[in-house]
PDB file of N, CA and C in Angstrom:
ATOM      1  N   MET A   1     110.273 158.005-148.999  1.00  0.00           N
ATOM      2  CA  MET A   1     110.730 158.660-147.816  1.00  0.00           C
ATOM      3  C   MET A   1     110.080 160.044-147.653  1.00  0.00           C
ATOM      4  N   LYS A   2     109.919 160.681-148.704  1.00  0.00           N
ATOM      5  CA  LYS A   2     109.290 162.039-148.628  1.00  0.00           C
ATOM      6  C   LYS A   2     107.883 162.061-148.234  1.00  0.00           C
ATOM      7  N   SER A   3     107.121 160.964-148.653  1.00  0.00           N
ATOM      8  CA  SER A   3     105.666 160.932-148.251  1.00  0.00           C
ATOM      9  C   SER A   3     105.641 160.612-146.761  1.00  0.00           C
ATOM     10  N   ASP A   4     106.506 159.813-146.203  1.00  0.00           N
ATOM     11  CA  ASP A   4     106.487 159.522-144.732  1.00  0.00           C
ATOM     12  C   ASP A   4     106.702 160.771-143.905  1.00  0.00           C
ATOM     13  N   ASP A   5     107.651 161.547-144.355  1.00  0.00           N
ATOM     14  CA  ASP A   5     107.969 162.778-143.696  1.00  0.00           C
ATOM     15  C   ASP A   5     106.817 163.726-143.784  1.00  0.00           C
ATOM     16  N   LYS A   6     106.210 163.851-144.895  1.00  0.00           N
ATOM     17  CA  LYS A   6     105.054 164.729-145.138  1.00  0.00           C
ATOM     18  C   LYS A   6     103.888 164.363-144.232  1.00  0.00           C
ATOM     19  N   SER A   7     103.562 162.989-144.042  1.00  0.00           N
ATOM     20  CA  SER A   7     102.433 162.606-143.223  1.00  0.00           C
ATOM     21  C   SER A   7     102.712 162.965-141.788  1.00  0.00           C
ATOM     22  N   GLU A   8     104.004 162.781-141.289  1.00  0.00           N
ATOM     23  CA  GLU A   8     104.315 163.140-139.948  1.00  0.00           C
ATOM     24  C   GLU A   8     104.164 164.638-139.638  1.00  0.00           C
ATOM     25  N   VAL A   9     104.519 165.443-140.636  1.00  0.00           N
ATOM     26  CA  VAL A   9     104.306 166.831-140.546  1.00  0.00           C
ATOM     27  C   VAL A   9     102.908 167.220-140.498  1.00  0.00           C
ATOM     28  N   ASN A  10     102.069 166.587-141.395  1.00  0.00           N
ATOM     29  CA  ASN A  10     100.586 166.797-141.335  1.00  0.00           C
ATOM     30  C   ASN A  10     100.015 166.484-140.006  1.00  0.00           C
ATOM     31  N   GLU A  11     100.375 165.380-139.455  1.00  0.00           N
ATOM     32  CA  GLU A  11      99.826 164.936-138.134  1.00  0.00           C
ATOM     33  C   GLU A  11     100.201 165.976-137.071  1.00  0.00           C
ATOM     34  N   TYR A  12     101.414 166.480-137.147  1.00  0.00           N
ATOM     35  CA  TYR A  12     101.851 167.382-136.152  1.00  0.00           C
ATOM     36  C   TYR A  12     101.255 168.792-136.372  1.00  0.00           C
ATOM     37  N   ASN A  13     100.882 169.165-137.518  1.00  0.00           N
ATOM     38  CA  ASN A  13     100.340 170.511-137.790  1.00  0.00           C
ATOM     39  C   ASN A  13      98.834 170.578-137.764  1.00  0.00           C
ATOM     40  N   ASP A  14      98.170 169.452-137.615  1.00  0.00           N
ATOM     41  CA  ASP A  14      96.798 169.410-137.521  1.00  0.00           C
ATOM     42  C   ASP A  14      96.293 169.977-136.162  1.00  0.00           C
ATOM     43  N   ARG A  15      96.024 171.312-136.199  1.00  0.00           N
ATOM     44  CA  ARG A  15      95.758 172.027-134.953  1.00  0.00           C
ATOM     45  C   ARG A  15      94.402 171.631-134.413  1.00  0.00           C
ATOM     46  N   PHE A  16      93.392 171.390-135.231  1.00  0.00           N
ATOM     47  CA  PHE A  16      92.070 170.967-134.818  1.00  0.00           C
ATOM     48  C   PHE A  16      92.165 169.670-133.966  1.00  0.00           C
ATOM     49  N   SER A  17      92.817 168.748-134.555  1.00  0.00           N
ATOM     50  CA  SER A  17      92.994 167.448-133.790  1.00  0.00           C
ATOM     51  C   SER A  17      93.649 167.571-132.509  1.00  0.00           C
ATOM     52  N   ARG A  18      94.742 168.404-132.515  1.00  0.00           N
ATOM     53  CA  ARG A  18      95.471 168.625-131.256  1.00  0.00           C
ATOM     54  C   ARG A  18      94.633 169.279-130.168  1.00  0.00           C
ATOM     55  N   LEU A  19      93.792 170.257-130.699  1.00  0.00           N
ATOM     56  CA  LEU A  19      92.939 170.948-129.782  1.00  0.00           C
ATOM     57  C   LEU A  19      91.834 169.991-129.211  1.00  0.00           C
ATOM     58  N   MET A  20      91.267 169.137-130.030  1.00  0.00           N
ATOM     59  CA  MET A  20      90.170 168.310-129.477  1.00  0.00           C
ATOM     60  C   MET A  20      90.738 167.110-128.727  1.00  0.00           C
ATOM     61  N   PHE A  21      91.772 166.514-129.166  1.00  0.00           N
ATOM     62  CA  PHE A  21      92.233 165.257-128.625  1.00  0.00           C
ATOM     63  C   PHE A  21      93.539 165.283-127.912  1.00  0.00           C
ATOM     64  N   GLY A  22      94.208 166.451-127.894  1.00  0.00           N
ATOM     65  CA  GLY A  22      95.528 166.511-127.251  1.00  0.00           C
ATOM     66  C   GLY A  22      96.671 166.147-128.145  1.00  0.00           C
ATOM     67  N   PRO A  23      97.847 166.208-127.578  1.00  0.00           N
ATOM     68  CA  PRO A  23      98.956 165.835-128.428  1.00  0.00           C
ATOM     69  C   PRO A  23      99.019 164.398-128.865  1.00  0.00           C
ATOM     70  N   PHE A  24      99.503 164.099-129.976  1.00  0.00           N
ATOM     71  CA  PHE A  24      99.573 162.778-130.566  1.00  0.00           C
ATOM     72  C   PHE A  24     100.655 161.990-129.826  1.00  0.00           C
ATOM     73  N   PRO A  25     100.437 160.702-129.457  1.00  0.00           N
ATOM     74  CA  PRO A  25     101.439 159.920-128.849  1.00  0.00           C
ATOM     75  C   PRO A  25     102.547 159.516-129.873  1.00  0.00           C
ATOM     76  N   SER A  26     103.755 159.394-129.398  1.00  0.00           N
ATOM     77  CA  SER A  26     104.835 159.047-130.358  1.00  0.00           C
ATOM     78  C   SER A  26     104.601 157.578-130.854  1.00  0.00           C
ATOM     79  N   ARG A  27     105.088 157.303-132.023  1.00  0.00           N
ATOM     80  CA  ARG A  27     104.877 155.886-132.502  1.00  0.00           C
ATOM     81  C   ARG A  27     105.681 154.842-131.644  1.00  0.00           C
ATOM     82  N   GLN A  28     106.746 155.293-131.008  1.00  0.00           N
ATOM     83  CA  GLN A  28     107.538 154.375-130.172  1.00  0.00           C
ATOM     84  C   GLN A  28     106.723 154.039-128.947  1.00  0.00           C
ATOM     85  N   ALA A  29     106.027 154.988-128.445  1.00  0.00           N
ATOM     86  CA  ALA A  29     105.225 154.766-127.164  1.00  0.00           C
ATOM     87  C   ALA A  29     104.062 153.852-127.506  1.00  0.00           C
ATOM     88  N   MET A  30     103.517 153.856-128.782  1.00  0.00           N
ATOM     89  CA  MET A  30     102.442 153.022-129.147  1.00  0.00           C
ATOM     90  C   MET A  30     102.867 151.592-129.273  1.00  0.00           C
ATOM     91  N   THR A  31     104.122 151.368-129.793  1.00  0.00           N
ATOM     92  CA  THR A  31     104.562 149.988-129.963  1.00  0.00           C
ATOM     93  C   THR A  31     104.883 149.403-128.612  1.00  0.00           C
ATOM     94  N   GLU A  32     105.429 150.213-127.669  1.00  0.00           N
ATOM     95  CA  GLU A  32     105.702 149.746-126.318  1.00  0.00           C
ATOM     96  C   GLU A  32     104.548 149.306-125.688  1.00  0.00           C
ATOM     97  N   HIS A  33     103.411 150.058-125.813  1.00  0.00           N
ATOM     98  CA  HIS A  33     102.083 149.766-125.306  1.00  0.00           C
ATOM     99  C   HIS A  33     101.581 148.404-125.797  1.00  0.00           C
ATOM    100  N   LYS A  34     101.711 148.182-127.040  1.00  0.00           N
ATOM    101  CA  LYS A  34     101.259 146.862-127.626  1.00  0.00           C
ATOM    102  C   LYS A  34     102.067 145.726-126.988  1.00  0.00           C
ATOM    103  N   LYS A  35     103.292 145.916-126.746  1.00  0.00           N
ATOM    104  CA  LYS A  35     104.097 144.932-126.069  1.00  0.00           C
ATOM    105  C   LYS A  35     103.634 144.617-124.697  1.00  0.00           C
ATOM    106  N   ASP A  36     103.196 145.643-123.911  1.00  0.00           N
ATOM    107  CA  ASP A  36     102.745 145.513-122.634  1.00  0.00           C
ATOM    108  C   ASP A  36     101.396 144.690-122.667  1.00  0.00           C
ATOM    109  N   GLU A  37     100.572 144.987-123.573  1.00  0.00           N
ATOM    110  CA  GLU A  37      99.250 144.276-123.680  1.00  0.00           C
ATOM    111  C   GLU A  37      99.409 142.770-123.880  1.00  0.00           C
ATOM    112  N   THR A  38     100.435 142.384-124.626  1.00  0.00           N
ATOM    113  CA  THR A  38     100.609 140.899-124.900  1.00  0.00           C
ATOM    114  C   THR A  38     101.142 140.244-123.620  1.00  0.00           C
ATOM    115  N   HIS A  39     101.872 141.023-122.802  1.00  0.00           N
ATOM    116  CA  HIS A  39     102.371 140.489-121.495  1.00  0.00           C
ATOM    117  C   HIS A  39     101.222 140.072-120.631  1.00  0.00           C
ATOM    118  N   PHE A  40     100.094 140.802-120.602  1.00  0.00           N
ATOM    119  CA  PHE A  40      98.997 140.597-119.652  1.00  0.00           C
ATOM    120  C   PHE A  40      97.828 139.891-120.455  1.00  0.00           C
ATOM    121  N   SER A  41      98.048 139.294-121.636  1.00  0.00           N
ATOM    122  CA  SER A  41      96.948 138.741-122.290  1.00  0.00           C
ATOM    123  C   SER A  41      96.363 137.527-121.677  1.00  0.00           C
ATOM    124  N   ASP A  42      97.091 136.741-120.815  1.00  0.00           N
ATOM    125  CA  ASP A  42      96.582 135.472-120.235  1.00  0.00           C
ATOM    126  C   ASP A  42      96.419 135.708-118.706  1.00  0.00           C
ATOM    127  N   PRO A  43      95.231 136.201-118.227  1.00  0.00           N
ATOM    128  CA  PRO A  43      95.078 136.474-116.775  1.00  0.00           C
ATOM    129  C   PRO A  43      94.984 135.153-115.835  1.00  0.00           C
ATOM    130  N   LEU A  44      94.773 134.011-116.593  1.00  0.00           N
ATOM    131  CA  LEU A  44      94.783 132.806-115.734  1.00  0.00           C
ATOM    132  C   LEU A  44      96.052 132.471-115.034  1.00  0.00           C
ATOM    133  N   HIS A  45      97.215 132.899-115.628  1.00  0.00           N
ATOM    134  CA  HIS A  45      98.533 132.623-115.065  1.00  0.00           C
ATOM    135  C   HIS A  45      98.696 133.484-113.783  1.00  0.00           C
ATOM    136  N   GLN A  46      97.870 134.620-113.558  1.00  0.00           N
ATOM    137  CA  GLN A  46      98.110 135.425-112.475  1.00  0.00           C
ATOM    138  C   GLN A  46      97.228 135.140-111.213  1.00  0.00           C
ATOM    139  N   ILE A  47      96.259 134.131-111.447  1.00  0.00           N
ATOM    140  CA  ILE A  47      95.288 133.843-110.325  1.00  0.00           C
ATOM    141  C   ILE A  47      95.916 132.745-109.495  1.00  0.00           C
ATOM    142  N   ASP A  48      95.825 133.005-108.203  1.00  0.00           N
ATOM    143  CA  ASP A  48      96.079 132.029-107.186  1.00  0.00           C
ATOM    144  C   ASP A  48      94.852 131.172-106.813  1.00  0.00           C
ATOM    145  N   PHE A  49      94.763 130.039-107.464  1.00  0.00           N
ATOM    146  CA  PHE A  49      93.437 129.329-107.225  1.00  0.00           C
ATOM    147  C   PHE A  49      93.246 128.812-105.827  1.00  0.00           C
ATOM    148  N   MET A  50      94.283 128.484-105.155  1.00  0.00           N
ATOM    149  CA  MET A  50      94.217 127.972-103.823  1.00  0.00           C
ATOM    150  C   MET A  50      93.642 129.128-102.852  1.00  0.00           C
ATOM    151  N   GLN A  51      94.235 130.319-103.076  1.00  0.00           N
ATOM    152  CA  GLN A  51      93.679 131.440-102.291  1.00  0.00           C
ATOM    153  C   GLN A  51      92.213 131.737-102.635  1.00  0.00           C
ATOM    154  N   LEU A  52      91.871 131.624-103.897  1.00  0.00           N
ATOM    155  CA  LEU A  52      90.518 131.837-104.322  1.00  0.00           C
ATOM    156  C   LEU A  52      89.576 130.841-103.686  1.00  0.00           C
ATOM    157  N   MET A  53      89.904 129.572-103.650  1.00  0.00           N
ATOM    158  CA  MET A  53      89.161 128.516-103.006  1.00  0.00           C
ATOM    159  C   MET A  53      88.959 128.822-101.513  1.00  0.00           C
ATOM    160  N   LYS A  54      90.092 129.234-100.835  1.00  0.00           N
ATOM    161  CA  LYS A  54      89.999 129.582 -99.452  1.00  0.00           C
ATOM    162  C   LYS A  54      89.033 130.737 -99.160  1.00  0.00           C
ATOM    163  N   ASP A  55      89.067 131.740-100.058  1.00  0.00           N
ATOM    164  CA  ASP A  55      88.143 132.888 -99.901  1.00  0.00           C
ATOM    165  C   ASP A  55      86.768 132.471-100.093  1.00  0.00           C
ATOM    166  N   ILE A  56      86.502 131.563-101.064  1.00  0.00           N
ATOM    167  CA  ILE A  56      85.138 131.176-101.267  1.00  0.00           C
ATOM    168  C   ILE A  56      84.679 130.351-100.012  1.00  0.00           C
ATOM    169  N   ASP A  57      85.461 129.545 -99.467  1.00  0.00           N
ATOM    170  CA  ASP A  57      85.126 128.690 -98.308  1.00  0.00           C
ATOM    171  C   ASP A  57      84.809 129.709 -97.105  1.00  0.00           C
ATOM    172  N   THR A  58      85.578 130.737 -96.967  1.00  0.00           N
ATOM    173  CA  THR A  58      85.358 131.713 -95.895  1.00  0.00           C
ATOM    174  C   THR A  58      83.971 132.408 -96.101  1.00  0.00           C
ATOM    175  N   LEU A  59      83.687 132.773 -97.345  1.00  0.00           N
ATOM    176  CA  LEU A  59      82.361 133.395 -97.572  1.00  0.00           C
ATOM    177  C   LEU A  59      81.217 132.470 -97.299  1.00  0.00           C
ATOM    178  N   VAL A  60      81.307 131.186 -97.648  1.00  0.00           N
ATOM    179  CA  VAL A  60      80.237 130.218 -97.451  1.00  0.00           C
ATOM    180  C   VAL A  60      80.082 129.995 -95.941  1.00  0.00           C
ATOM    181  N   SER A  61      81.185 129.893 -95.239  1.00  0.00           N
ATOM    182  CA  SER A  61      81.054 129.674 -93.761  1.00  0.00           C
ATOM    183  C   SER A  61      80.432 130.884 -93.094  1.00  0.00           C
ATOM    184  N   SER A  62      80.791 132.152 -93.640  1.00  0.00           N
ATOM    185  CA  SER A  62      80.184 133.302 -93.039  1.00  0.00           C
ATOM    186  C   SER A  62      78.673 133.440 -93.267  1.00  0.00           C
ATOM    187  N   PHE A  63      78.301 132.974 -94.463  1.00  0.00           N
ATOM    188  CA  PHE A  63      76.799 132.986 -94.726  1.00  0.00           C
ATOM    189  C   PHE A  63      76.139 131.968 -93.923  1.00  0.00           C
ATOM    190  N   GLU A  64      76.735 130.835 -93.604  1.00  0.00           N
ATOM    191  CA  GLU A  64      76.122 129.777 -92.754  1.00  0.00           C
ATOM    192  C   GLU A  64      75.953 130.370 -91.320  1.00  0.00           C
ATOM    193  N   LYS A  65      76.893 131.228 -90.863  1.00  0.00           N
ATOM    194  CA  LYS A  65      76.757 131.761 -89.534  1.00  0.00           C
ATOM    195  C   LYS A  65      75.713 132.915 -89.448  1.00  0.00           C
ATOM    196  N   ILE A  66      75.518 133.624 -90.439  1.00  0.00           N
ATOM    197  CA  ILE A  66      74.524 134.700 -90.605  1.00  0.00           C
ATOM    198  C   ILE A  66      73.118 134.290 -90.787  1.00  0.00           C
ATOM    199  N   LYS A  67      73.002 132.980 -91.302  1.00  0.00           N
ATOM    200  CA  LYS A  67      71.712 132.485 -91.689  1.00  0.00           C
ATOM    201  C   LYS A  67      70.647 132.522 -90.519  1.00  0.00           C
ATOM    202  N   PRO A  68      70.969 132.088 -89.292  1.00  0.00           N
ATOM    203  CA  PRO A  68      70.024 132.201 -88.211  1.00  0.00           C
ATOM    204  C   PRO A  68      69.573 133.594 -87.865  1.00  0.00           C
ATOM    205  N   ILE A  69      70.479 134.534 -87.962  1.00  0.00           N
ATOM    206  CA  ILE A  69      70.076 135.965 -87.732  1.00  0.00           C
ATOM    207  C   ILE A  69      69.087 136.466 -88.799  1.00  0.00           C
ATOM    208  N   VAL A  70      69.253 136.054 -90.000  1.00  0.00           N
ATOM    209  CA  VAL A  70      68.411 136.532 -91.036  1.00  0.00           C
ATOM    210  C   VAL A  70      66.974 135.928 -90.850  1.00  0.00           C
ATOM    211  N   LYS A  71      67.000 134.664 -90.352  1.00  0.00           N
ATOM    212  CA  LYS A  71      65.675 133.960 -90.150  1.00  0.00           C
ATOM    213  C   LYS A  71      64.989 134.743 -89.046  1.00  0.00           C
ATOM    214  N   GLN A  72      65.623 135.254 -88.088  1.00  0.00           N
ATOM    215  CA  GLN A  72      65.050 136.010 -86.957  1.00  0.00           C
ATOM    216  C   GLN A  72      64.487 137.364 -87.370  1.00  0.00           C
ATOM    217  N   LEU A  73      65.219 137.968 -88.300  1.00  0.00           N
ATOM    218  CA  LEU A  73      64.953 139.341 -88.783  1.00  0.00           C
ATOM    219  C   LEU A  73      63.904 139.331 -89.870  1.00  0.00           C
ATOM    220  N   THR A  74      63.633 138.357 -90.463  1.00  0.00           N
ATOM    221  CA  THR A  74      62.592 138.227 -91.606  1.00  0.00           C
ATOM    222  C   THR A  74      61.318 138.677 -91.163  1.00  0.00           C
ATOM    223  N   PRO A  75      60.749 138.120 -90.130  1.00  0.00           N
ATOM    224  CA  PRO A  75      59.411 138.592 -89.646  1.00  0.00           C
ATOM    225  C   PRO A  75      59.325 140.081 -89.283  1.00  0.00           C
ATOM    226  N   LEU A  76      60.290 140.600 -88.744  1.00  0.00           N
ATOM    227  CA  LEU A  76      60.438 142.063 -88.463  1.00  0.00           C
ATOM    228  C   LEU A  76      60.420 142.878 -89.669  1.00  0.00           C
ATOM    229  N   TYR A  77      61.184 142.451 -90.631  1.00  0.00           N
ATOM    230  CA  TYR A  77      61.134 143.077 -92.044  1.00  0.00           C
ATOM    231  C   TYR A  77      59.822 143.030 -92.653  1.00  0.00           C
ATOM    232  N   ASN A  78      59.090 141.852 -92.550  1.00  0.00           N
ATOM    233  CA  ASN A  78      57.781 141.749 -93.181  1.00  0.00           C
ATOM    234  C   ASN A  78      56.741 142.695 -92.439  1.00  0.00           C
ATOM    235  N   LEU A  79      56.932 142.815 -91.169  1.00  0.00           N
ATOM    236  CA  LEU A  79      56.032 143.732 -90.391  1.00  0.00           C
ATOM    237  C   LEU A  79      56.159 145.161 -90.937  1.00  0.00           C
ATOM    238  N   PHE A  80      57.380 145.622 -91.023  1.00  0.00           N
ATOM    239  CA  PHE A  80      57.607 147.022 -91.624  1.00  0.00           C
ATOM    240  C   PHE A  80      57.084 147.076 -93.096  1.00  0.00           C
ATOM    241  N   LYS A  81      57.273 146.111 -93.798  1.00  0.00           N
ATOM    242  CA  LYS A  81      56.937 146.094 -95.217  1.00  0.00           C
ATOM    243  C   LYS A  81      55.419 146.212 -95.406  1.00  0.00           C
ATOM    244  N   ASN A  82      54.708 145.493 -94.496  1.00  0.00           N
ATOM    245  CA  ASN A  82      53.289 145.456 -94.642  1.00  0.00           C
ATOM    246  C   ASN A  82      52.669 146.825 -94.138  1.00  0.00           C
ATOM    247  N   ARG A  83      53.336 147.536 -93.230  1.00  0.00           N
ATOM    248  CA  ARG A  83      52.766 148.756 -92.754  1.00  0.00           C
ATOM    249  C   ARG A  83      52.937 149.906 -93.800  1.00  0.00           C
ATOM    250  N   SER A  84      53.938 149.879 -94.670  1.00  0.00           N
ATOM    251  CA  SER A  84      54.147 150.930 -95.595  1.00  0.00           C
ATOM    252  C   SER A  84      53.112 151.054 -96.633  1.00  0.00           C
TER     253      SER A  84
END
């Protein structure tokens, strides 16, 4: 028991560490943070795959619509590129 109390006092009185790194977080806050990390450990449960597929489809269709414009602008770009 005494050694635990002494280590807590040493952590609190370590002025250099507090100056360099700020105040120490409480041990209770650290355990709560670990609990929060386990809650978000599996990101696949949070992804809406149907919405993701719709977004990808929207991007592909947008690229298909832009493709003719890019083909028309390519010679103009090459003209400026060759002049430089």
